Structures are given as C-alpha cells and as structure tokens.
N, C-alpha and C. Protein backbone atom coordinates (compact mmCIF):
# COMPACT_ATOMS: atom_id res chain seq x y z
N MET A 1 103.45 87.00 98.89
CA MET A 1 102.27 87.19 98.06
C MET A 1 102.46 88.36 97.10
N LEU A 2 103.13 89.40 97.57
CA LEU A 2 103.32 90.58 96.73
C LEU A 2 104.17 90.25 95.50
N GLU A 3 105.15 89.35 95.66
CA GLU A 3 105.98 88.97 94.52
C GLU A 3 105.17 88.25 93.46
N SER A 4 104.22 87.42 93.88
CA SER A 4 103.40 86.71 92.90
C SER A 4 102.47 87.68 92.17
N LEU A 5 101.98 88.71 92.86
CA LEU A 5 101.15 89.73 92.20
C LEU A 5 101.96 90.49 91.17
N ILE A 6 103.20 90.83 91.51
CA ILE A 6 104.05 91.56 90.58
C ILE A 6 104.38 90.69 89.36
N GLY A 7 104.66 89.42 89.60
CA GLY A 7 104.93 88.50 88.49
C GLY A 7 103.73 88.34 87.59
N MET A 8 102.55 88.25 88.18
CA MET A 8 101.33 88.16 87.40
C MET A 8 101.12 89.43 86.58
N TYR A 9 101.39 90.58 87.18
CA TYR A 9 101.24 91.84 86.47
C TYR A 9 102.19 91.91 85.27
N HIS A 10 103.42 91.48 85.45
CA HIS A 10 104.38 91.50 84.35
C HIS A 10 103.96 90.54 83.24
N ARG A 11 103.40 89.41 83.60
CA ARG A 11 102.90 88.47 82.59
C ARG A 11 101.75 89.11 81.81
N HIS A 12 100.85 89.79 82.50
CA HIS A 12 99.73 90.45 81.83
C HIS A 12 100.22 91.61 80.96
N GLN A 13 101.28 92.28 81.39
CA GLN A 13 101.85 93.37 80.59
C GLN A 13 102.30 92.86 79.23
N LYS A 14 102.90 91.70 79.20
CA LYS A 14 103.36 91.13 77.93
C LYS A 14 102.18 90.89 77.00
N TYR A 15 101.09 90.37 77.53
CA TYR A 15 99.91 90.14 76.70
C TYR A 15 99.33 91.45 76.18
N LEU A 16 99.27 92.48 77.02
CA LEU A 16 98.71 93.76 76.61
C LEU A 16 99.59 94.44 75.57
N VAL A 17 100.91 94.33 75.73
CA VAL A 17 101.81 94.89 74.72
C VAL A 17 101.62 94.17 73.39
N THR A 18 101.39 92.87 73.43
CA THR A 18 101.14 92.11 72.21
C THR A 18 99.85 92.59 71.53
N PHE A 19 98.80 92.82 72.32
CA PHE A 19 97.55 93.33 71.75
C PHE A 19 97.74 94.72 71.15
N ILE A 20 98.51 95.58 71.81
CA ILE A 20 98.76 96.91 71.28
C ILE A 20 99.56 96.82 69.98
N ALA A 21 100.53 95.90 69.92
CA ALA A 21 101.30 95.70 68.70
C ALA A 21 100.40 95.22 67.56
N LEU A 22 99.45 94.33 67.87
CA LEU A 22 98.50 93.88 66.85
C LEU A 22 97.63 95.03 66.36
N CYS A 23 97.26 95.93 67.27
CA CYS A 23 96.49 97.11 66.86
C CYS A 23 97.31 98.01 65.95
N LEU A 24 98.59 98.17 66.26
CA LEU A 24 99.45 98.98 65.40
C LEU A 24 99.59 98.36 64.01
N ILE A 25 99.73 97.05 63.96
CA ILE A 25 99.83 96.37 62.68
C ILE A 25 98.53 96.56 61.89
N GLY A 26 97.39 96.39 62.57
CA GLY A 26 96.10 96.60 61.92
C GLY A 26 95.91 98.04 61.48
N TRP A 27 96.43 98.97 62.25
CA TRP A 27 96.33 100.39 61.91
C TRP A 27 97.11 100.70 60.63
N PHE A 28 98.31 100.12 60.51
CA PHE A 28 99.13 100.40 59.35
C PHE A 28 98.73 99.61 58.10
N LEU A 29 98.20 98.39 58.27
CA LEU A 29 98.01 97.51 57.12
C LEU A 29 96.56 97.39 56.63
N THR A 30 95.61 97.93 57.35
CA THR A 30 94.21 97.80 56.92
C THR A 30 93.60 99.18 56.73
N PRO A 31 92.50 99.24 56.01
CA PRO A 31 91.82 100.53 55.84
C PRO A 31 90.94 100.91 57.04
N TYR A 32 90.88 100.08 58.06
CA TYR A 32 90.03 100.34 59.23
C TYR A 32 90.81 101.05 60.33
N VAL A 33 91.33 102.21 59.99
CA VAL A 33 92.21 102.95 60.89
C VAL A 33 91.48 103.34 62.17
N HIS A 34 90.26 103.85 62.06
CA HIS A 34 89.56 104.34 63.25
C HIS A 34 89.19 103.21 64.20
N ILE A 35 88.97 102.02 63.68
CA ILE A 35 88.66 100.88 64.55
C ILE A 35 89.89 100.49 65.36
N PHE A 36 91.04 100.40 64.70
CA PHE A 36 92.26 100.01 65.41
C PHE A 36 92.76 101.10 66.34
N LEU A 37 92.55 102.37 65.97
CA LEU A 37 92.90 103.45 66.89
C LEU A 37 92.01 103.42 68.13
N GLY A 38 90.73 103.10 67.94
CA GLY A 38 89.83 102.98 69.09
C GLY A 38 90.23 101.83 69.99
N LEU A 39 90.59 100.70 69.40
CA LEU A 39 91.06 99.57 70.19
C LEU A 39 92.32 99.94 70.97
N LYS A 40 93.22 100.65 70.28
CA LYS A 40 94.47 101.03 70.94
C LYS A 40 94.23 102.00 72.09
N LEU A 41 93.34 102.97 71.89
CA LEU A 41 93.01 103.90 72.98
C LEU A 41 92.40 103.14 74.16
N GLY A 42 91.47 102.25 73.88
CA GLY A 42 90.86 101.47 74.95
C GLY A 42 91.87 100.58 75.67
N LEU A 43 92.77 99.97 74.91
CA LEU A 43 93.81 99.13 75.52
C LEU A 43 94.74 99.93 76.41
N ILE A 44 95.14 101.10 75.95
CA ILE A 44 96.06 101.91 76.74
C ILE A 44 95.38 102.39 78.03
N VAL A 45 94.13 102.82 77.93
CA VAL A 45 93.42 103.25 79.14
C VAL A 45 93.15 102.06 80.06
N GLY A 46 92.80 100.91 79.49
CA GLY A 46 92.62 99.70 80.30
C GLY A 46 93.90 99.28 80.99
N TRP A 47 95.02 99.40 80.29
CA TRP A 47 96.32 99.08 80.87
C TRP A 47 96.65 100.06 81.98
N PHE A 48 96.37 101.35 81.79
CA PHE A 48 96.58 102.34 82.84
C PHE A 48 95.73 102.01 84.06
N ASN A 49 94.48 101.63 83.84
CA ASN A 49 93.60 101.27 84.95
C ASN A 49 94.13 100.06 85.70
N TYR A 50 94.64 99.09 84.98
CA TYR A 50 95.20 97.90 85.60
C TYR A 50 96.46 98.26 86.39
N TRP A 51 97.30 99.13 85.84
CA TRP A 51 98.50 99.59 86.55
C TRP A 51 98.11 100.32 87.83
N LEU A 52 97.09 101.16 87.73
CA LEU A 52 96.63 101.89 88.91
C LEU A 52 96.09 100.94 89.98
N LEU A 53 95.34 99.95 89.55
CA LEU A 53 94.81 98.95 90.48
C LEU A 53 95.94 98.15 91.13
N MET A 54 96.94 97.81 90.36
CA MET A 54 98.08 97.05 90.89
C MET A 54 98.85 97.89 91.90
N ARG A 55 99.05 99.16 91.59
CA ARG A 55 99.75 100.05 92.51
C ARG A 55 99.00 100.20 93.82
N ARG A 56 97.68 100.35 93.75
CA ARG A 56 96.87 100.48 94.96
C ARG A 56 96.85 99.16 95.75
N THR A 57 96.88 98.04 95.05
CA THR A 57 96.92 96.74 95.73
C THR A 57 98.24 96.58 96.49
N GLN A 58 99.33 97.01 95.87
CA GLN A 58 100.62 96.95 96.55
C GLN A 58 100.64 97.84 97.78
N ALA A 59 100.06 99.03 97.66
CA ALA A 59 100.01 99.95 98.81
C ALA A 59 99.14 99.37 99.92
N MET A 60 98.03 98.74 99.54
CA MET A 60 97.14 98.14 100.53
C MET A 60 97.84 96.98 101.24
N THR A 61 98.54 96.14 100.49
CA THR A 61 99.25 95.01 101.08
C THR A 61 100.31 95.49 102.06
N LYS A 62 101.04 96.52 101.66
CA LYS A 62 102.08 97.06 102.54
C LYS A 62 101.47 97.68 103.79
N ALA A 63 100.35 98.40 103.65
CA ALA A 63 99.70 99.02 104.81
C ALA A 63 99.15 97.97 105.76
N LEU A 64 98.58 96.91 105.23
CA LEU A 64 98.05 95.85 106.09
C LEU A 64 99.17 95.11 106.81
N ALA A 65 100.30 94.93 106.14
CA ALA A 65 101.43 94.27 106.78
C ALA A 65 102.00 95.09 107.92
N GLU A 66 101.90 96.41 107.82
CA GLU A 66 102.41 97.30 108.86
C GLU A 66 101.33 97.75 109.84
N ASN A 67 100.14 97.15 109.75
CA ASN A 67 98.99 97.48 110.61
C ASN A 67 98.62 98.96 110.54
N ARG A 68 98.71 99.53 109.34
CA ARG A 68 98.27 100.91 109.14
C ARG A 68 96.91 100.90 108.44
N SER A 69 96.22 102.02 108.52
CA SER A 69 94.94 102.11 107.83
C SER A 69 95.20 102.39 106.34
N PHE A 70 94.21 102.05 105.54
CA PHE A 70 94.34 102.19 104.10
C PHE A 70 93.09 102.84 103.57
N TYR A 71 93.26 103.72 102.59
CA TYR A 71 92.12 104.45 102.06
C TYR A 71 91.98 104.21 100.57
N GLY A 72 90.94 103.52 100.16
CA GLY A 72 90.51 103.43 98.77
C GLY A 72 91.39 102.62 97.83
N MET A 73 90.74 102.17 96.75
CA MET A 73 91.43 101.40 95.71
C MET A 73 91.52 102.17 94.39
N GLY A 74 91.17 103.45 94.38
CA GLY A 74 91.30 104.24 93.17
C GLY A 74 90.20 104.03 92.16
N THR A 75 89.03 103.63 92.63
CA THR A 75 87.91 103.36 91.72
C THR A 75 87.49 104.62 90.97
N THR A 76 87.49 105.74 91.66
CA THR A 76 87.07 106.99 91.02
C THR A 76 88.03 107.36 89.89
N ALA A 77 89.31 107.21 90.10
CA ALA A 77 90.29 107.54 89.06
C ALA A 77 90.15 106.59 87.87
N ARG A 78 89.92 105.32 88.13
CA ARG A 78 89.76 104.36 87.04
C ARG A 78 88.49 104.61 86.24
N MET A 79 87.40 104.89 86.93
CA MET A 79 86.15 105.21 86.22
C MET A 79 86.28 106.52 85.44
N GLY A 80 86.97 107.48 86.04
CA GLY A 80 87.18 108.76 85.36
C GLY A 80 87.98 108.61 84.08
N SER A 81 88.99 107.75 84.10
CA SER A 81 89.79 107.54 82.89
C SER A 81 88.97 106.83 81.81
N MET A 82 88.08 105.93 82.22
CA MET A 82 87.20 105.29 81.24
C MET A 82 86.23 106.30 80.62
N VAL A 83 85.68 107.17 81.45
CA VAL A 83 84.78 108.21 80.94
C VAL A 83 85.54 109.14 80.01
N LEU A 84 86.76 109.51 80.38
CA LEU A 84 87.57 110.37 79.52
C LEU A 84 87.84 109.73 78.16
N ALA A 85 88.14 108.43 78.16
CA ALA A 85 88.38 107.73 76.89
C ALA A 85 87.12 107.72 76.02
N THR A 86 85.97 107.50 76.62
CA THR A 86 84.74 107.49 75.82
C THR A 86 84.38 108.90 75.34
N ILE A 87 84.68 109.91 76.15
CA ILE A 87 84.44 111.29 75.71
C ILE A 87 85.34 111.63 74.52
N ILE A 88 86.60 111.23 74.60
CA ILE A 88 87.53 111.45 73.49
C ILE A 88 87.01 110.77 72.23
N ALA A 89 86.54 109.54 72.36
CA ALA A 89 86.05 108.79 71.20
C ALA A 89 84.78 109.41 70.62
N THR A 90 83.92 109.94 71.47
CA THR A 90 82.69 110.55 70.94
C THR A 90 82.94 111.93 70.35
N GLN A 91 83.95 112.64 70.84
CA GLN A 91 84.25 113.97 70.31
C GLN A 91 85.05 113.92 69.00
N ILE A 92 85.80 112.86 68.79
CA ILE A 92 86.61 112.73 67.57
C ILE A 92 86.27 111.40 66.88
N PRO A 93 85.04 111.25 66.38
CA PRO A 93 84.64 109.95 65.80
C PRO A 93 85.35 109.61 64.50
N GLU A 94 85.96 110.59 63.83
CA GLU A 94 86.66 110.27 62.58
C GLU A 94 88.00 109.57 62.86
N TYR A 95 88.49 109.65 64.10
CA TYR A 95 89.73 108.96 64.47
C TYR A 95 89.50 107.74 65.35
N PHE A 96 88.47 107.77 66.20
CA PHE A 96 88.25 106.68 67.15
C PHE A 96 86.84 106.12 67.01
N HIS A 97 86.75 104.82 66.90
CA HIS A 97 85.47 104.12 66.85
C HIS A 97 85.04 103.83 68.29
N ILE A 98 83.87 104.32 68.70
CA ILE A 98 83.45 104.25 70.11
C ILE A 98 83.33 102.81 70.59
N TYR A 99 82.79 101.93 69.77
CA TYR A 99 82.64 100.53 70.20
C TYR A 99 84.00 99.85 70.35
N SER A 100 84.94 100.24 69.50
CA SER A 100 86.29 99.68 69.63
C SER A 100 86.97 100.15 70.91
N VAL A 101 86.71 101.39 71.30
CA VAL A 101 87.27 101.88 72.56
C VAL A 101 86.71 101.07 73.73
N ILE A 102 85.42 100.82 73.72
CA ILE A 102 84.79 100.05 74.79
C ILE A 102 85.33 98.62 74.82
N ILE A 103 85.49 98.02 73.66
CA ILE A 103 86.06 96.67 73.60
C ILE A 103 87.50 96.68 74.09
N GLY A 104 88.27 97.70 73.71
CA GLY A 104 89.65 97.82 74.18
C GLY A 104 89.74 97.97 75.69
N LEU A 105 88.80 98.71 76.27
CA LEU A 105 88.77 98.83 77.74
C LEU A 105 88.54 97.48 78.40
N GLY A 106 87.73 96.66 77.79
CA GLY A 106 87.43 95.35 78.36
C GLY A 106 88.50 94.31 78.14
N ILE A 107 89.37 94.52 77.16
CA ILE A 107 90.39 93.52 76.86
C ILE A 107 91.34 93.32 78.04
N ALA A 108 91.69 94.40 78.74
CA ALA A 108 92.61 94.26 79.89
C ALA A 108 92.00 93.34 80.94
N TYR A 109 90.72 93.50 81.21
CA TYR A 109 90.07 92.65 82.20
C TYR A 109 89.88 91.23 81.67
N ALA A 110 89.67 91.09 80.36
CA ALA A 110 89.57 89.75 79.77
C ALA A 110 90.90 89.02 79.87
N VAL A 111 92.01 89.75 79.70
CA VAL A 111 93.34 89.15 79.84
C VAL A 111 93.53 88.63 81.25
N ILE A 112 93.14 89.43 82.24
CA ILE A 112 93.27 89.01 83.63
C ILE A 112 92.44 87.76 83.88
N PHE A 113 91.20 87.76 83.42
CA PHE A 113 90.29 86.63 83.64
C PHE A 113 90.79 85.37 82.96
N LEU A 114 91.17 85.47 81.69
CA LEU A 114 91.64 84.28 80.96
C LEU A 114 92.95 83.76 81.52
N ASP A 115 93.84 84.66 81.93
CA ASP A 115 95.09 84.22 82.53
C ASP A 115 94.83 83.49 83.84
N PHE A 116 93.89 83.98 84.62
CA PHE A 116 93.55 83.32 85.87
C PHE A 116 93.05 81.90 85.61
N ILE A 117 92.17 81.75 84.62
CA ILE A 117 91.64 80.41 84.30
C ILE A 117 92.75 79.49 83.81
N LEU A 118 93.56 79.97 82.86
CA LEU A 118 94.63 79.13 82.32
C LEU A 118 95.68 78.79 83.36
N TYR A 119 96.03 79.75 84.20
CA TYR A 119 97.02 79.50 85.23
C TYR A 119 96.47 78.53 86.28
N SER A 120 95.18 78.63 86.60
CA SER A 120 94.57 77.69 87.54
C SER A 120 94.57 76.27 86.98
N LEU A 121 94.24 76.15 85.69
CA LEU A 121 94.28 74.82 85.06
C LEU A 121 95.70 74.27 85.03
N TYR A 122 96.67 75.14 84.77
CA TYR A 122 98.07 74.73 84.75
C TYR A 122 98.52 74.24 86.11
N ARG A 123 98.17 74.98 87.17
CA ARG A 123 98.56 74.58 88.52
C ARG A 123 97.87 73.30 88.93
N ARG A 124 96.59 73.13 88.53
CA ARG A 124 95.88 71.89 88.88
C ARG A 124 96.49 70.71 88.17
N LYS A 125 96.88 70.90 86.91
CA LYS A 125 97.50 69.82 86.14
C LYS A 125 98.88 69.48 86.70
N LYS A 126 99.60 70.49 87.16
CA LYS A 126 100.94 70.30 87.70
C LYS A 126 100.91 69.55 89.04
N SER A 127 99.87 69.75 89.84
CA SER A 127 99.78 69.13 91.17
C SER A 127 99.43 67.67 91.12
C-alpha cells in the first residue's frame, strides 16, 4: 500500500510542478505579476502541506505495521503554514494577491481530488 501512495504522490508532484511552471510563464508574460506570484506562493505552500501530509502518512503506516503508537498527522503545522502564507500576502499586497494565494492553496487539494476521480474512472473502465 505504501508503494501506491508514493506513486500517487509522485504523479501529483508532476501536476503541481506543471501548475507552478504555468504561474512562472504567466508571471513573465503578463502584466498581472501579483496575481501569478500569489498563485505561486499558494501552490508552493499547498505542495509543502501535501508533502508534510504524505510524510506523516508514511510514518503512520510504518508505525501501524510495527504495532507502535502514532502521534498526530501534522495538522497544526499545515494550518500554520497556510496562515503564514496569508499573512505574507496581506503584509505585501503589492507583490501577492490574497485571493490568488488562497486559490493556490486549494489547487493542491483539487489536484488530489481530480486525480482520485480520474484514476477511479480509469480503473473501473480497465476492469
């Protein structure tokens, strides 16, 4: 099971890198610099949160396999990083668009959700 989680994470990483590349292209080629910087900040923090969640999931899986106790999924750290990103965006509004940061934070979770739906449809069609 752990191998499939790691494979899924690597697949999601490719999508997130593509979104960050699109933000960089938008940053360089359009006059909406603060919007694309906000999206990029949100994407990077969302990606960090996803990485943290994946790391904690791996630790939990390993602890359960070894019949050890496990403490927490890192919710406080993930919420703290989201708050930090929004504080950065509100303190420097000439560089970061606050709504773009919030949308960027949600894109990582949207990638997970859409990949789950598409992969489920693919597996159902394959069976």
